[in-house]
Amino acid sequence: MKKVFKCLLAVGAVVGSIAGVLYFLDKKKSEDNFDDFDDAEFDDVFEEEEDDSRDYVTLDLEKEAEEQEEQ
């Protein structure tokens, strides 16, 4: 029984180590991808979409119902 437990413990440690290395490499790779992103381009996208003619939805349903009854 002790040998089985030790074997499972060793396999678990090896699998955990491999998972940790893969996680580290994945995070390192994803950080490199973020460096290519230009913040100025991101801001430009939203500046083009700005429009002052947006319609807003009221969150006060009771007040909205009263206004519709008045009209």
N, C-alpha and C. Protein backbone atom coordinates (compact mmCIF):
# COMPACT_ATOMS: atom_id res chain seq x y z
N MET A 1 0.82 -1.19 0.00
CA MET A 1 0.00 0.00 0.00
C MET A 1 0.86 1.25 0.00
N LYS A 2 1.97 1.23 0.76
CA LYS A 2 2.85 2.38 0.81
C LYS A 2 3.49 2.64 -0.55
N LYS A 3 3.83 1.57 -1.26
CA LYS A 3 4.46 1.73 -2.57
C LYS A 3 3.49 2.35 -3.57
N VAL A 4 2.23 1.95 -3.51
CA VAL A 4 1.22 2.51 -4.42
C VAL A 4 1.04 4.00 -4.12
N PHE A 5 0.96 4.35 -2.84
CA PHE A 5 0.80 5.75 -2.45
C PHE A 5 1.99 6.58 -2.89
N LYS A 6 3.19 6.07 -2.71
CA LYS A 6 4.40 6.79 -3.12
C LYS A 6 4.44 6.95 -4.64
N CYS A 7 4.02 5.91 -5.36
CA CYS A 7 4.00 5.98 -6.82
C CYS A 7 3.00 7.04 -7.29
N LEU A 8 1.80 7.06 -6.69
CA LEU A 8 0.80 8.07 -7.04
C LEU A 8 1.27 9.47 -6.69
N LEU A 9 1.95 9.60 -5.59
CA LEU A 9 2.48 10.90 -5.18
C LEU A 9 3.54 11.38 -6.16
N ALA A 10 4.40 10.49 -6.60
CA ALA A 10 5.44 10.85 -7.56
C ALA A 10 4.84 11.23 -8.91
N VAL A 11 3.85 10.46 -9.36
CA VAL A 11 3.18 10.77 -10.64
C VAL A 11 2.47 12.12 -10.54
N GLY A 12 1.84 12.38 -9.42
CA GLY A 12 1.16 13.66 -9.20
C GLY A 12 2.13 14.83 -9.21
N ALA A 13 3.30 14.64 -8.62
CA ALA A 13 4.31 15.70 -8.60
C ALA A 13 4.83 15.97 -10.00
N VAL A 14 5.06 14.93 -10.78
CA VAL A 14 5.55 15.10 -12.15
C VAL A 14 4.50 15.80 -13.00
N VAL A 15 3.25 15.36 -12.90
CA VAL A 15 2.17 15.97 -13.68
C VAL A 15 1.98 17.43 -13.25
N GLY A 16 2.05 17.72 -11.98
CA GLY A 16 1.93 19.09 -11.49
C GLY A 16 3.05 19.98 -12.00
N SER A 17 4.25 19.44 -12.03
CA SER A 17 5.39 20.21 -12.54
C SER A 17 5.23 20.52 -14.02
N ILE A 18 4.80 19.53 -14.77
CA ILE A 18 4.59 19.75 -16.21
C ILE A 18 3.48 20.77 -16.44
N ALA A 19 2.41 20.68 -15.67
CA ALA A 19 1.31 21.64 -15.80
C ALA A 19 1.78 23.06 -15.45
N GLY A 20 2.61 23.19 -14.44
CA GLY A 20 3.14 24.50 -14.06
C GLY A 20 4.01 25.09 -15.15
N VAL A 21 4.84 24.29 -15.77
CA VAL A 21 5.71 24.77 -16.85
C VAL A 21 4.86 25.20 -18.05
N LEU A 22 3.87 24.39 -18.41
CA LEU A 22 3.00 24.75 -19.53
C LEU A 22 2.21 26.03 -19.26
N TYR A 23 1.74 26.20 -18.04
CA TYR A 23 1.03 27.41 -17.65
C TYR A 23 1.95 28.63 -17.76
N PHE A 24 3.17 28.51 -17.28
CA PHE A 24 4.13 29.61 -17.35
C PHE A 24 4.42 29.97 -18.80
N LEU A 25 4.64 28.97 -19.64
CA LEU A 25 4.94 29.25 -21.05
C LEU A 25 3.75 29.89 -21.76
N ASP A 26 2.54 29.47 -21.42
CA ASP A 26 1.34 30.05 -22.02
C ASP A 26 1.20 31.51 -21.61
N LYS A 27 1.41 31.81 -20.34
CA LYS A 27 1.33 33.20 -19.87
C LYS A 27 2.41 34.06 -20.51
N LYS A 28 3.60 33.53 -20.65
CA LYS A 28 4.70 34.27 -21.26
C LYS A 28 4.37 34.57 -22.72
N LYS A 29 3.78 33.62 -23.41
CA LYS A 29 3.42 33.81 -24.82
C LYS A 29 2.31 34.86 -24.94
N SER A 30 1.32 34.84 -24.05
CA SER A 30 0.23 35.80 -24.14
C SER A 30 0.69 37.21 -23.80
N GLU A 31 1.66 37.37 -22.91
CA GLU A 31 2.19 38.69 -22.59
C GLU A 31 2.91 39.28 -23.80
N ASP A 32 3.57 38.46 -24.57
CA ASP A 32 4.25 38.94 -25.78
C ASP A 32 3.25 39.44 -26.81
N ASN A 33 2.08 38.83 -26.90
CA ASN A 33 1.07 39.26 -27.85
C ASN A 33 0.50 40.62 -27.50
N PHE A 34 0.43 40.95 -26.21
CA PHE A 34 -0.12 42.23 -25.81
C PHE A 34 0.84 43.38 -26.12
N ASP A 35 2.11 43.11 -26.24
CA ASP A 35 3.06 44.17 -26.55
C ASP A 35 2.87 44.71 -27.96
N ASP A 36 2.32 43.90 -28.86
CA ASP A 36 2.11 44.33 -30.24
C ASP A 36 0.92 45.27 -30.37
N PHE A 37 0.07 45.33 -29.39
CA PHE A 37 -1.14 46.14 -29.46
C PHE A 37 -0.80 47.61 -29.20
N ASP A 38 -1.28 48.47 -30.06
CA ASP A 38 -1.00 49.90 -29.94
C ASP A 38 -2.19 50.59 -29.28
N ASP A 39 -1.96 51.24 -28.16
CA ASP A 39 -3.04 51.90 -27.45
C ASP A 39 -3.63 53.06 -28.25
N ALA A 40 -2.83 53.73 -29.05
CA ALA A 40 -3.33 54.85 -29.84
C ALA A 40 -4.36 54.36 -30.85
N GLU A 41 -4.14 53.21 -31.45
CA GLU A 41 -5.11 52.67 -32.40
C GLU A 41 -6.40 52.31 -31.68
N PHE A 42 -6.31 51.82 -30.47
CA PHE A 42 -7.50 51.46 -29.70
C PHE A 42 -8.34 52.70 -29.42
N ASP A 43 -7.70 53.80 -29.05
CA ASP A 43 -8.44 55.03 -28.78
C ASP A 43 -9.06 55.59 -30.06
N ASP A 44 -8.38 55.48 -31.18
CA ASP A 44 -8.90 55.99 -32.44
C ASP A 44 -10.18 55.28 -32.85
N VAL A 45 -10.30 54.02 -32.56
CA VAL A 45 -11.49 53.27 -32.94
C VAL A 45 -12.71 53.85 -32.25
N PHE A 46 -12.60 54.19 -30.99
CA PHE A 46 -13.75 54.71 -30.26
C PHE A 46 -14.00 56.18 -30.57
N GLU A 47 -13.00 56.92 -30.96
CA GLU A 47 -13.22 58.32 -31.33
C GLU A 47 -14.05 58.41 -32.60
N GLU A 48 -13.89 57.48 -33.50
CA GLU A 48 -14.66 57.49 -34.74
C GLU A 48 -16.12 57.17 -34.49
N GLU A 49 -16.40 56.41 -33.45
CA GLU A 49 -17.76 55.99 -33.19
C GLU A 49 -18.56 57.00 -32.38
N GLU A 50 -17.93 58.05 -31.89
CA GLU A 50 -18.64 59.01 -31.07
C GLU A 50 -19.71 59.71 -31.89
N ASP A 51 -20.92 59.75 -31.33
CA ASP A 51 -22.04 60.37 -32.01
C ASP A 51 -22.95 60.95 -30.94
N ASP A 52 -23.26 62.25 -31.07
CA ASP A 52 -24.07 62.91 -30.05
C ASP A 52 -25.56 62.66 -30.25
N SER A 53 -25.95 61.97 -31.28
CA SER A 53 -27.37 61.75 -31.55
C SER A 53 -27.86 60.41 -31.02
N ARG A 54 -27.26 59.94 -29.93
CA ARG A 54 -27.67 58.67 -29.34
C ARG A 54 -28.96 58.84 -28.57
N ASP A 55 -29.80 57.83 -28.59
CA ASP A 55 -31.01 57.81 -27.79
C ASP A 55 -30.71 57.06 -26.50
N TYR A 56 -31.20 57.60 -25.40
CA TYR A 56 -30.97 56.98 -24.11
C TYR A 56 -32.26 56.37 -23.60
N VAL A 57 -32.14 55.29 -22.87
CA VAL A 57 -33.27 54.59 -22.31
C VAL A 57 -33.37 54.96 -20.84
N THR A 58 -34.57 55.33 -20.41
CA THR A 58 -34.74 55.67 -19.00
C THR A 58 -34.85 54.39 -18.19
N LEU A 59 -34.35 54.43 -16.98
CA LEU A 59 -34.39 53.28 -16.10
C LEU A 59 -35.56 53.35 -15.13
N ASP A 60 -36.19 54.51 -15.03
CA ASP A 60 -37.33 54.66 -14.14
C ASP A 60 -38.60 54.33 -14.93
N LEU A 61 -39.09 53.11 -14.80
CA LEU A 61 -40.22 52.65 -15.59
C LEU A 61 -41.52 53.34 -15.21
N GLU A 62 -41.69 53.66 -13.94
CA GLU A 62 -42.92 54.33 -13.50
C GLU A 62 -43.00 55.73 -14.11
N LYS A 63 -41.91 56.45 -14.10
CA LYS A 63 -41.91 57.80 -14.65
C LYS A 63 -42.15 57.74 -16.16
N GLU A 64 -41.56 56.76 -16.82
CA GLU A 64 -41.73 56.61 -18.26
C GLU A 64 -43.20 56.29 -18.59
N ALA A 65 -43.85 55.47 -17.78
CA ALA A 65 -45.25 55.13 -18.00
C ALA A 65 -46.12 56.37 -17.81
N GLU A 66 -45.84 57.21 -16.84
CA GLU A 66 -46.59 58.44 -16.63
C GLU A 66 -46.43 59.39 -17.81
N GLU A 67 -45.22 59.49 -18.36
CA GLU A 67 -44.99 60.37 -19.49
C GLU A 67 -45.74 59.89 -20.73
N GLN A 68 -45.83 58.60 -20.91
CA GLN A 68 -46.54 58.05 -22.07
C GLN A 68 -48.04 58.27 -21.92
N GLU A 69 -48.57 58.21 -20.69
CA GLU A 69 -49.99 58.45 -20.46
C GLU A 69 -50.34 59.90 -20.74
N GLU A 70 -49.43 60.83 -20.45
CA GLU A 70 -49.67 62.24 -20.67
C GLU A 70 -49.72 62.57 -22.17
N GLN A 71 -49.03 61.83 -22.96
CA GLN A 71 -48.99 62.10 -24.41
C GLN A 71 -50.15 61.48 -25.05
